[in-house]
Protein backbone atom coordinates (compact mmCIF):
# COMPACT_ATOMS: atom_id res chain seq x y z
CA MET A 1 2.48 -19.83 -4.37
CA LEU A 2 3.15 -17.81 -7.39
CA PRO A 3 1.79 -20.32 -10.55
CA GLU A 4 4.11 -22.63 -11.81
CA ASP A 5 4.42 -21.11 -15.37
CA ILE A 6 4.97 -17.68 -14.30
CA THR A 7 8.11 -16.31 -16.09
CA ALA A 8 10.47 -13.80 -14.33
CA LEU A 9 9.32 -11.40 -16.74
CA GLU A 10 5.43 -11.47 -15.71
CA ALA A 11 6.45 -11.76 -12.28
CA LEU A 12 8.26 -8.35 -12.36
CA GLY A 13 5.69 -6.86 -14.21
CA ILE A 14 3.34 -8.04 -11.45
CA ALA A 15 5.33 -6.40 -9.17
CA ILE A 16 5.65 -3.56 -10.74
CA ARG A 17 1.93 -3.08 -11.04
CA SER A 18 1.31 -3.31 -7.85
CA GLU A 19 3.61 -1.06 -6.66
CA ILE A 20 1.73 1.47 -8.79
CA ASP A 21 -1.49 0.70 -7.68
CA ALA A 22 0.10 1.02 -4.22
CA GLN A 23 1.00 4.54 -5.10
CA ASN A 24 -2.42 5.72 -6.39
CA VAL A 25 -4.05 4.04 -3.64
CA TYR A 26 -2.08 6.21 -1.32
CA LYS A 27 -2.90 9.51 -2.73
CA ASP A 28 -6.46 8.62 -3.06
CA LEU A 29 -6.31 8.46 1.01
CA SER A 30 -4.18 11.90 1.39
CA GLU A 31 -6.91 13.23 -1.01
CA LEU A 32 -9.54 11.78 1.60
CA CYS A 33 -8.34 12.66 4.65
CA LYS A 34 -8.22 16.54 6.06
CA ASN A 35 -5.72 15.96 8.56
CA GLU A 36 -2.30 17.37 7.47
CA LEU A 37 -0.15 15.09 8.94
CA LEU A 38 -1.75 11.52 7.84
CA LYS A 39 -2.29 13.37 4.11
CA GLU A 40 1.90 13.49 4.18
CA ARG A 41 2.13 10.02 6.01
CA PHE A 42 0.01 9.01 3.02
CA GLU A 43 2.36 11.09 0.56
CA ASN A 44 5.13 9.63 2.14
CA LEU A 45 3.89 6.18 1.67
CA ALA A 46 3.49 6.73 -1.49
CA LYS A 47 6.60 7.77 -2.50
CA GLU A 48 8.07 4.55 -0.90
CA GLU A 49 5.82 2.76 -3.34
CA LYS A 50 7.48 4.70 -6.06
CA LYS A 51 11.40 4.02 -4.59
CA HIS A 52 10.35 -0.09 -5.40
CA GLN A 53 8.44 0.66 -8.66
CA LEU A 54 11.82 2.02 -9.83
CA ILE A 55 14.09 -0.93 -8.02
CA LEU A 56 11.71 -3.18 -10.22
CA GLU A 57 12.07 -1.43 -13.58
CA ASN A 58 15.63 -0.88 -13.16
CA ILE A 59 16.26 -4.96 -12.60
CA TYR A 60 13.43 -5.23 -15.26
CA LYS A 61 15.62 -3.51 -17.26
CA ASN A 62 18.73 -5.24 -16.28
CA MET A 63 17.36 -8.51 -17.18
CA PHE A 64 15.18 -7.64 -19.83
CA PRO A 65 16.80 -5.02 -22.21
CA GLU A 66 15.81 -5.77 -25.64
CA VAL A 67 12.08 -6.44 -24.07
CA GLU A 68 9.44 -3.77 -23.48
CA LEU A 69 7.44 -3.26 -20.22
CA VAL A 70 4.24 -4.35 -20.67
CA LEU A 71 2.15 -4.08 -17.55
CA PRO A 72 -0.55 -6.20 -16.25
CA GLU A 73 -4.24 -4.18 -15.62
CA SER A 74 -4.45 -3.32 -12.55
CA LEU A 75 -4.40 -5.74 -9.63
CA LEU A 76 -7.43 -3.66 -7.47
CA PRO A 77 -10.65 -5.46 -6.62
CA LYS A 78 -12.98 -3.91 -9.45
CA HIS A 79 -14.68 -1.60 -7.23
CA ALA A 80 -11.64 -0.06 -6.36
CA ALA A 81 -9.84 -0.04 -9.87
CA THR A 82 -9.94 3.57 -10.49
CA SER A 83 -9.58 7.08 -8.34
CA ILE A 84 -13.12 8.03 -9.09
CA LEU A 85 -14.43 4.39 -7.66
CA ARG A 86 -11.68 4.74 -4.42
CA LYS A 87 -13.33 8.34 -3.51
CA GLN A 88 -16.88 6.70 -3.73
CA LEU A 89 -16.27 3.98 -1.34
CA GLY A 90 -14.71 6.53 1.68
CA LEU A 91 -11.62 6.66 4.04
CA LYS A 92 -12.31 3.34 5.49
CA ASP A 93 -12.85 1.14 2.80
CA VAL A 94 -10.41 2.40 0.82
CA LEU A 95 -7.84 2.07 3.81
CA LEU A 96 -9.36 -1.58 4.49
CA ILE A 97 -8.45 -2.36 0.45
CA ALA A 98 -4.98 -0.72 0.91
CA ILE A 99 -4.23 -2.87 4.16
CA ASP A 100 -5.24 -6.49 1.62
CA GLU A 101 -3.27 -5.09 -0.91
CA GLU A 102 -0.19 -4.89 1.04
CA ARG A 103 -0.67 -8.30 2.80
CA ARG A 104 -0.97 -9.74 -1.20
CA SER A 105 2.25 -7.80 -2.33
CA ARG A 106 4.08 -8.59 0.43
CA GLU A 107 2.72 -12.51 -0.05
CA PHE A 108 3.88 -12.17 -3.71
CA TYR A 109 7.43 -10.73 -2.63
CA LEU A 110 8.27 -13.45 -0.40
CA ASP A 111 7.13 -16.35 -2.78
CA CYS A 112 9.50 -14.34 -5.31
CA ALA A 113 12.40 -14.80 -2.98
CA SER A 114 12.00 -18.09 -2.63
CA GLU A 115 11.57 -18.43 -6.35
CA VAL A 116 14.65 -16.98 -7.20
CA LYS A 117 17.97 -18.61 -7.89
CA ASP A 118 20.29 -15.35 -7.39
CA LEU A 119 21.05 -14.26 -3.38
CA SER A 120 20.77 -10.49 -4.25
CA GLY A 121 17.48 -10.90 -6.14
CA GLN A 122 16.32 -13.08 -2.79
CA ARG A 123 17.65 -9.97 -0.66
CA MET A 124 16.16 -7.63 -2.39
CA PHE A 125 12.40 -9.51 -2.68
CA ARG A 126 12.75 -9.91 1.29
CA PHE A 127 13.25 -6.43 1.30
CA ILE A 128 10.33 -5.32 -0.43
CA ALA A 129 8.44 -7.87 1.23
CA ASP A 130 9.27 -6.20 4.37
CA MET A 131 9.14 -2.95 3.65
CA GLU A 132 5.01 -4.09 2.31
CA PHE A 133 4.44 -5.54 5.94
CA SER A 134 5.55 -2.48 7.20
CA HIS A 135 2.97 -0.50 5.46
CA GLN A 136 0.12 -2.84 6.48
CA MET A 137 0.86 -2.75 9.95
CA ILE A 138 0.81 1.59 9.56
CA LEU A 139 -2.41 1.04 7.68
CA GLN A 140 -3.60 -1.30 10.13
CA ALA A 141 -2.99 1.06 12.89
CA GLU A 142 -4.73 3.91 11.58
CA LEU A 143 -7.52 2.09 10.36
CA GLU A 144 -8.03 1.15 14.44
CA MET A 145 -7.71 5.34 15.01
CA LEU A 146 -10.64 5.94 11.93
CA GLU A 147 -12.38 3.19 14.65
CA LYS A 148 -12.10 4.56 18.01
CA PHE A 149 -12.05 8.34 16.79
CA PRO A 150 -13.50 9.10 13.82
CA PHE A 151 -12.67 12.53 13.49
CA TYR A 152 -8.73 11.52 13.65
CA TYR A 153 -9.02 11.97 9.90
CA GLU A 154 -10.60 15.78 10.08
CA SER A 155 -7.92 17.85 11.87
CA PRO A 156 -5.80 17.58 15.03
CA LYS A 157 -8.34 19.43 16.84
CA SER A 158 -11.57 17.70 16.05
CA TRP A 159 -9.71 14.50 17.20
CA GLU A 160 -8.21 16.36 20.86
CA ALA A 161 -11.67 17.47 20.89
CA GLU A 162 -13.23 14.04 20.46
CA LEU A 163 -10.48 12.31 22.98
CA SER A 164 -11.60 14.84 25.69
CA LEU A 165 -15.46 13.92 25.26
CA ARG A 166 -14.18 10.34 26.09
CA THR A 167 -12.00 10.84 28.87
CA GLU A 168 -14.74 13.40 30.47
CA LYS A 169 -17.68 10.77 30.20
CA ILE A 170 -14.94 8.15 31.44
CA LYS A 171 -14.25 10.17 34.66
CA ARG A 172 -17.38 10.34 35.19
CA LYS A 173 -18.33 7.06 35.48
């Protein structure tokens, strides 16, 4: 639920900050894995978050043309608030943070959609909420792959080799 005293100006600032945070996390995820296909997936997620940021900034400019955009501090957990800290955590931990951030963003956008009176605003917030949910599901699937096949993030070849070894073990049983 949104705090009762939050203004549209503050809500948009929080939403824009959230999109910027997500972009930065995805850029770091792309740098943490060696598999080119996965790098590209994380880079594409960063581009989608950039599009969300631009949509929200345009809404901000239209709603508050005379008010300078001032963003809140990063909404990421303190232990993952910077790129340096995230890279020290490792891939799995950063994935878990990204999943949680997508979940929280979705909830925030759904709350905004329920509070906005304008129908187009409701649709826009629901659309972005749905996109955040799809990102959450993509990340969840990536986490499951990492847990089942730790070499998946290194390169497609190392993952295929791991899969072959597992298949051989199953056949022997």
